[in-house]
Amino acid sequence: MSGAEAFIPTPLLLSDSARKRINALIAEENNPSLKLRVYVTGGGCSGFQYGFDFAENVADDDTVIAFGEASLVVDPLSYQYLVGSTVDYEEGLAGARFRVQNPNATATCGCGASFMV
């Protein structure tokens, strides 16, 4: 006979490069209350797509995850799709961007901006 196992989902994580970029943008704007909002919307070539925005305001039902000076804000609908993901920041030949490494995605598009669960 086996007992029930508790499952505690891993919250969102933030890579060092993303944390450094968020801190740099906060310093550039001279606004320590800015937070990186990460969200999921319908669309893209795989069904859902990621979005990023800087926000000062946080709704009562938002989840705020602090990483020192840098913070992520996620609305409740998006959170369920992002649990266990890592928000990263990369610079390369294709430009600079935040991106999500999502273990819940069963398929992603070539650019990594949209996904399917």
N, C-alpha and C. Protein backbone atom coordinates (compact mmCIF):
# COMPACT_ATOMS: atom_id res chain seq x y z
N MET A 1 0.84 -1.17 0.00
CA MET A 1 0.00 0.00 0.00
C MET A 1 0.89 1.24 0.00
N SER A 2 0.62 2.15 -0.88
CA SER A 2 1.44 3.36 -0.95
C SER A 2 0.66 4.54 -0.40
N GLY A 3 1.37 5.46 0.22
CA GLY A 3 0.75 6.65 0.77
C GLY A 3 0.69 7.76 -0.26
N ALA A 4 -0.12 8.73 0.02
CA ALA A 4 -0.21 9.89 -0.86
C ALA A 4 1.08 10.69 -0.78
N GLU A 5 1.49 11.23 -1.90
CA GLU A 5 2.68 12.05 -1.94
C GLU A 5 2.29 13.50 -2.13
N ALA A 6 2.94 14.36 -1.41
CA ALA A 6 2.69 15.78 -1.55
C ALA A 6 3.45 16.30 -2.76
N PHE A 7 2.82 17.18 -3.50
CA PHE A 7 3.46 17.80 -4.65
C PHE A 7 3.45 19.31 -4.44
N ILE A 8 4.62 19.88 -4.38
CA ILE A 8 4.74 21.33 -4.26
C ILE A 8 5.36 21.83 -5.56
N PRO A 9 4.58 22.58 -6.36
CA PRO A 9 5.12 23.03 -7.64
C PRO A 9 6.28 24.01 -7.44
N THR A 10 7.23 23.92 -8.33
CA THR A 10 8.35 24.86 -8.32
C THR A 10 7.85 26.20 -8.85
N PRO A 11 8.07 27.28 -8.11
CA PRO A 11 7.63 28.57 -8.63
C PRO A 11 8.51 29.00 -9.81
N LEU A 12 8.20 30.14 -10.35
CA LEU A 12 9.02 30.68 -11.43
C LEU A 12 10.42 30.98 -10.92
N LEU A 13 11.38 30.79 -11.78
CA LEU A 13 12.78 31.08 -11.48
C LEU A 13 13.25 32.20 -12.39
N LEU A 14 14.31 32.86 -12.00
CA LEU A 14 14.87 33.96 -12.77
C LEU A 14 16.36 33.71 -12.94
N SER A 15 16.82 33.68 -14.18
CA SER A 15 18.25 33.45 -14.42
C SER A 15 19.05 34.68 -13.99
N ASP A 16 20.34 34.49 -13.80
CA ASP A 16 21.21 35.60 -13.42
C ASP A 16 21.21 36.70 -14.48
N SER A 17 21.22 36.31 -15.76
CA SER A 17 21.24 37.32 -16.82
C SER A 17 19.93 38.12 -16.85
N ALA A 18 18.80 37.47 -16.59
CA ALA A 18 17.53 38.19 -16.54
C ALA A 18 17.47 39.12 -15.33
N ARG A 19 17.95 38.64 -14.20
CA ARG A 19 17.97 39.46 -12.99
C ARG A 19 18.82 40.71 -13.21
N LYS A 20 20.00 40.53 -13.82
CA LYS A 20 20.89 41.67 -14.07
C LYS A 20 20.24 42.67 -15.03
N ARG A 21 19.56 42.17 -16.06
CA ARG A 21 18.92 43.06 -17.03
C ARG A 21 17.76 43.83 -16.39
N ILE A 22 16.97 43.15 -15.57
CA ILE A 22 15.87 43.83 -14.88
C ILE A 22 16.42 44.92 -13.97
N ASN A 23 17.47 44.60 -13.22
CA ASN A 23 18.08 45.60 -12.34
C ASN A 23 18.63 46.78 -13.13
N ALA A 24 19.21 46.52 -14.31
CA ALA A 24 19.73 47.60 -15.15
C ALA A 24 18.59 48.49 -15.66
N LEU A 25 17.49 47.89 -16.06
CA LEU A 25 16.34 48.67 -16.54
C LEU A 25 15.71 49.49 -15.42
N ILE A 26 15.65 48.92 -14.22
CA ILE A 26 15.13 49.65 -13.07
C ILE A 26 16.03 50.87 -12.80
N ALA A 27 17.34 50.67 -12.88
CA ALA A 27 18.28 51.78 -12.66
C ALA A 27 18.15 52.85 -13.74
N GLU A 28 18.01 52.41 -15.00
CA GLU A 28 17.86 53.36 -16.12
C GLU A 28 16.62 54.22 -15.94
N GLU A 29 15.52 53.60 -15.49
CA GLU A 29 14.27 54.34 -15.30
C GLU A 29 14.23 55.07 -13.96
N ASN A 30 15.22 54.78 -13.10
CA ASN A 30 15.28 55.38 -11.77
C ASN A 30 13.95 55.17 -11.02
N ASN A 31 13.45 53.92 -11.11
CA ASN A 31 12.16 53.60 -10.50
C ASN A 31 12.25 52.22 -9.85
N PRO A 32 12.58 52.15 -8.56
CA PRO A 32 12.75 50.87 -7.88
C PRO A 32 11.47 50.06 -7.72
N SER A 33 10.31 50.66 -8.02
CA SER A 33 9.06 49.91 -7.88
C SER A 33 8.69 49.13 -9.15
N LEU A 34 9.49 49.24 -10.21
CA LEU A 34 9.20 48.49 -11.44
C LEU A 34 9.43 47.00 -11.24
N LYS A 35 8.55 46.22 -11.83
CA LYS A 35 8.65 44.76 -11.80
C LYS A 35 8.40 44.23 -13.20
N LEU A 36 9.01 43.10 -13.53
CA LEU A 36 8.79 42.49 -14.84
C LEU A 36 7.53 41.64 -14.78
N ARG A 37 6.51 42.02 -15.54
CA ARG A 37 5.28 41.24 -15.63
C ARG A 37 5.46 40.21 -16.75
N VAL A 38 5.22 38.94 -16.42
CA VAL A 38 5.28 37.85 -17.38
C VAL A 38 3.87 37.31 -17.51
N TYR A 39 3.39 37.17 -18.75
CA TYR A 39 2.02 36.70 -18.93
C TYR A 39 1.91 35.79 -20.15
N VAL A 40 0.80 35.09 -20.20
CA VAL A 40 0.49 34.18 -21.31
C VAL A 40 -0.82 34.64 -21.94
N THR A 41 -0.83 34.71 -23.27
CA THR A 41 -2.05 35.04 -23.99
C THR A 41 -2.27 33.99 -25.07
N GLY A 42 -3.48 33.92 -25.56
CA GLY A 42 -3.77 33.03 -26.68
C GLY A 42 -3.18 33.61 -27.95
N GLY A 43 -2.72 32.73 -28.84
CA GLY A 43 -2.18 33.19 -30.11
C GLY A 43 -0.83 32.58 -30.39
N GLY A 44 -0.17 33.11 -31.38
CA GLY A 44 1.12 32.55 -31.78
C GLY A 44 0.90 31.31 -32.61
N CYS A 45 1.94 30.78 -33.16
CA CYS A 45 1.80 29.63 -34.05
C CYS A 45 1.60 28.31 -33.30
N SER A 46 1.78 28.31 -31.96
CA SER A 46 1.61 27.08 -31.20
C SER A 46 0.42 27.10 -30.25
N GLY A 47 -0.36 28.17 -30.23
CA GLY A 47 -1.55 28.23 -29.40
C GLY A 47 -1.51 29.26 -28.30
N PHE A 48 -0.41 29.37 -27.59
CA PHE A 48 -0.22 30.38 -26.54
C PHE A 48 1.07 31.13 -26.83
N GLN A 49 1.14 32.35 -26.34
CA GLN A 49 2.39 33.10 -26.49
C GLN A 49 2.72 33.83 -25.20
N TYR A 50 4.01 34.05 -24.99
CA TYR A 50 4.50 34.74 -23.81
C TYR A 50 4.50 36.24 -24.07
N GLY A 51 4.31 37.00 -23.01
CA GLY A 51 4.41 38.45 -23.09
C GLY A 51 5.17 38.97 -21.89
N PHE A 52 5.80 40.11 -22.08
CA PHE A 52 6.58 40.75 -21.02
C PHE A 52 6.26 42.24 -21.02
N ASP A 53 6.20 42.80 -19.83
CA ASP A 53 5.94 44.22 -19.70
C ASP A 53 6.47 44.66 -18.34
N PHE A 54 6.85 45.91 -18.22
CA PHE A 54 7.24 46.42 -16.92
C PHE A 54 6.03 47.08 -16.28
N ALA A 55 5.82 46.77 -15.01
CA ALA A 55 4.65 47.28 -14.31
C ALA A 55 5.05 47.83 -12.96
N GLU A 56 4.36 48.90 -12.58
CA GLU A 56 4.50 49.44 -11.23
C GLU A 56 3.38 48.91 -10.35
N ASN A 57 2.20 48.78 -10.95
CA ASN A 57 1.02 48.38 -10.21
C ASN A 57 0.87 46.87 -10.18
N VAL A 58 0.45 46.37 -9.05
CA VAL A 58 0.23 44.94 -8.86
C VAL A 58 -1.20 44.75 -8.39
N ALA A 59 -1.95 43.86 -9.05
CA ALA A 59 -3.32 43.57 -8.65
C ALA A 59 -3.32 42.69 -7.40
N ASP A 60 -4.44 42.68 -6.70
CA ASP A 60 -4.55 41.89 -5.47
C ASP A 60 -4.34 40.40 -5.71
N ASP A 61 -4.73 39.91 -6.89
CA ASP A 61 -4.61 38.47 -7.16
C ASP A 61 -3.34 38.11 -7.93
N ASP A 62 -2.46 39.07 -8.19
CA ASP A 62 -1.18 38.79 -8.84
C ASP A 62 -0.24 38.07 -7.87
N THR A 63 0.66 37.29 -8.42
CA THR A 63 1.74 36.68 -7.63
C THR A 63 3.01 37.48 -7.91
N VAL A 64 3.68 37.90 -6.84
CA VAL A 64 4.94 38.63 -6.96
C VAL A 64 6.03 37.73 -6.41
N ILE A 65 7.06 37.50 -7.21
CA ILE A 65 8.19 36.67 -6.80
C ILE A 65 9.43 37.56 -6.83
N ALA A 66 10.02 37.78 -5.67
CA ALA A 66 11.16 38.68 -5.55
C ALA A 66 12.47 37.91 -5.62
N PHE A 67 13.41 38.48 -6.35
CA PHE A 67 14.78 37.96 -6.47
C PHE A 67 15.72 39.11 -6.14
N GLY A 68 15.81 39.45 -4.88
CA GLY A 68 16.59 40.61 -4.50
C GLY A 68 15.86 41.87 -4.95
N GLU A 69 16.53 42.71 -5.70
CA GLU A 69 15.92 43.94 -6.21
C GLU A 69 14.95 43.68 -7.37
N ALA A 70 15.16 42.60 -8.10
CA ALA A 70 14.33 42.27 -9.26
C ALA A 70 13.13 41.44 -8.83
N SER A 71 11.96 41.73 -9.41
CA SER A 71 10.75 40.97 -9.09
C SER A 71 10.00 40.63 -10.36
N LEU A 72 9.36 39.45 -10.34
CA LEU A 72 8.44 39.03 -11.39
C LEU A 72 7.02 39.17 -10.87
N VAL A 73 6.10 39.56 -11.75
CA VAL A 73 4.68 39.63 -11.43
C VAL A 73 3.95 38.77 -12.44
N VAL A 74 3.05 37.90 -11.93
CA VAL A 74 2.30 37.00 -12.81
C VAL A 74 0.85 36.99 -12.38
N ASP A 75 -0.06 37.13 -13.34
CA ASP A 75 -1.48 37.05 -13.03
C ASP A 75 -1.88 35.59 -12.82
N PRO A 76 -3.00 35.32 -12.14
CA PRO A 76 -3.37 33.94 -11.79
C PRO A 76 -3.59 33.02 -12.99
N LEU A 77 -4.14 33.53 -14.07
CA LEU A 77 -4.37 32.69 -15.25
C LEU A 77 -3.05 32.27 -15.88
N SER A 78 -2.12 33.19 -15.99
CA SER A 78 -0.82 32.89 -16.59
C SER A 78 0.03 31.98 -15.70
N TYR A 79 -0.11 32.15 -14.38
CA TYR A 79 0.73 31.41 -13.44
C TYR A 79 0.62 29.90 -13.65
N GLN A 80 -0.58 29.41 -13.90
CA GLN A 80 -0.77 27.97 -14.07
C GLN A 80 0.02 27.41 -15.24
N TYR A 81 0.28 28.21 -16.26
CA TYR A 81 1.04 27.77 -17.42
C TYR A 81 2.55 27.96 -17.23
N LEU A 82 2.92 28.77 -16.25
CA LEU A 82 4.33 29.13 -16.07
C LEU A 82 5.01 28.47 -14.88
N VAL A 83 4.27 27.75 -14.06
CA VAL A 83 4.85 27.11 -12.87
C VAL A 83 6.02 26.23 -13.29
N GLY A 84 7.15 26.41 -12.63
CA GLY A 84 8.35 25.62 -12.92
C GLY A 84 9.23 26.19 -14.02
N SER A 85 8.80 27.28 -14.64
CA SER A 85 9.55 27.89 -15.74
C SER A 85 10.69 28.77 -15.23
N THR A 86 11.63 29.02 -16.11
CA THR A 86 12.72 29.95 -15.83
C THR A 86 12.63 31.10 -16.82
N VAL A 87 12.62 32.33 -16.32
CA VAL A 87 12.67 33.51 -17.18
C VAL A 87 14.14 33.84 -17.38
N ASP A 88 14.54 33.95 -18.63
CA ASP A 88 15.93 34.18 -18.98
C ASP A 88 16.02 35.43 -19.85
N TYR A 89 17.21 35.94 -20.00
CA TYR A 89 17.47 37.08 -20.89
C TYR A 89 18.66 36.72 -21.74
N GLU A 90 18.52 36.92 -23.04
CA GLU A 90 19.63 36.58 -23.94
C GLU A 90 19.86 37.69 -24.94
N GLU A 91 21.12 37.84 -25.30
CA GLU A 91 21.53 38.78 -26.33
C GLU A 91 22.30 37.99 -27.37
N GLY A 92 21.99 38.22 -28.63
CA GLY A 92 22.67 37.49 -29.69
C GLY A 92 22.45 38.16 -31.03
N LEU A 93 22.73 37.44 -32.08
CA LEU A 93 22.58 37.97 -33.44
C LEU A 93 21.14 38.33 -33.75
N ALA A 94 20.20 37.62 -33.14
CA ALA A 94 18.78 37.88 -33.39
C ALA A 94 18.26 39.04 -32.54
N GLY A 95 19.09 39.62 -31.70
CA GLY A 95 18.67 40.72 -30.85
C GLY A 95 18.70 40.33 -29.39
N ALA A 96 18.13 41.16 -28.56
CA ALA A 96 18.07 40.92 -27.12
C ALA A 96 16.62 40.73 -26.73
N ARG A 97 16.39 39.76 -25.81
CA ARG A 97 15.01 39.51 -25.41
C ARG A 97 14.96 38.69 -24.13
N PHE A 98 13.85 38.85 -23.42
CA PHE A 98 13.52 37.94 -22.34
C PHE A 98 12.88 36.73 -22.99
N ARG A 99 13.07 35.55 -22.41
CA ARG A 99 12.42 34.36 -22.92
C ARG A 99 12.10 33.43 -21.76
N VAL A 100 11.19 32.51 -22.00
CA VAL A 100 10.75 31.58 -20.97
C VAL A 100 11.18 30.17 -21.35
N GLN A 101 11.83 29.50 -20.43
CA GLN A 101 12.15 28.08 -20.58
C GLN A 101 11.08 27.35 -19.76
N ASN A 102 10.12 26.75 -20.46
CA ASN A 102 8.92 26.22 -19.83
C ASN A 102 8.87 24.70 -19.91
N PRO A 103 9.02 23.99 -18.78
CA PRO A 103 8.96 22.53 -18.80
C PRO A 103 7.55 21.99 -19.05
N ASN A 104 6.53 22.85 -18.97
CA ASN A 104 5.15 22.44 -19.20
C ASN A 104 4.78 22.43 -20.68
N ALA A 105 5.58 23.07 -21.50
CA ALA A 105 5.28 23.16 -22.94
C ALA A 105 5.54 21.83 -23.62
N THR A 106 4.55 21.36 -24.36
CA THR A 106 4.72 20.12 -25.12
C THR A 106 5.26 20.39 -26.51
N ALA A 107 5.10 21.62 -26.98
CA ALA A 107 5.64 22.02 -28.28
C ALA A 107 5.88 23.53 -28.23
N THR A 108 6.89 23.98 -28.96
CA THR A 108 7.17 25.41 -29.07
C THR A 108 7.42 25.74 -30.53
N CYS A 109 7.28 27.01 -30.87
CA CYS A 109 7.59 27.43 -32.22
C CYS A 109 9.10 27.63 -32.35
N GLY A 110 9.56 27.85 -33.55
CA GLY A 110 10.99 28.01 -33.79
C GLY A 110 11.62 29.17 -33.06
N CYS A 111 10.88 30.25 -32.87
CA CYS A 111 11.46 31.42 -32.19
C CYS A 111 11.34 31.32 -30.68
N GLY A 112 10.54 30.38 -30.18
CA GLY A 112 10.39 30.21 -28.74
C GLY A 112 9.43 31.17 -28.08
N ALA A 113 8.72 31.97 -28.88
CA ALA A 113 7.79 32.94 -28.31
C ALA A 113 6.40 32.36 -28.07
N SER A 114 6.09 31.23 -28.69
CA SER A 114 4.78 30.61 -28.46
C SER A 114 4.96 29.14 -28.12
N PHE A 115 3.91 28.58 -27.49
CA PHE A 115 4.02 27.21 -27.01
C PHE A 115 2.65 26.55 -26.95
N MET A 116 2.66 25.23 -26.74
CA MET A 116 1.46 24.44 -26.59
C MET A 116 1.61 23.59 -25.34
N VAL A 117 0.50 23.40 -24.61
CA VAL A 117 0.54 22.52 -23.43
C VAL A 117 -0.36 21.31 -23.66
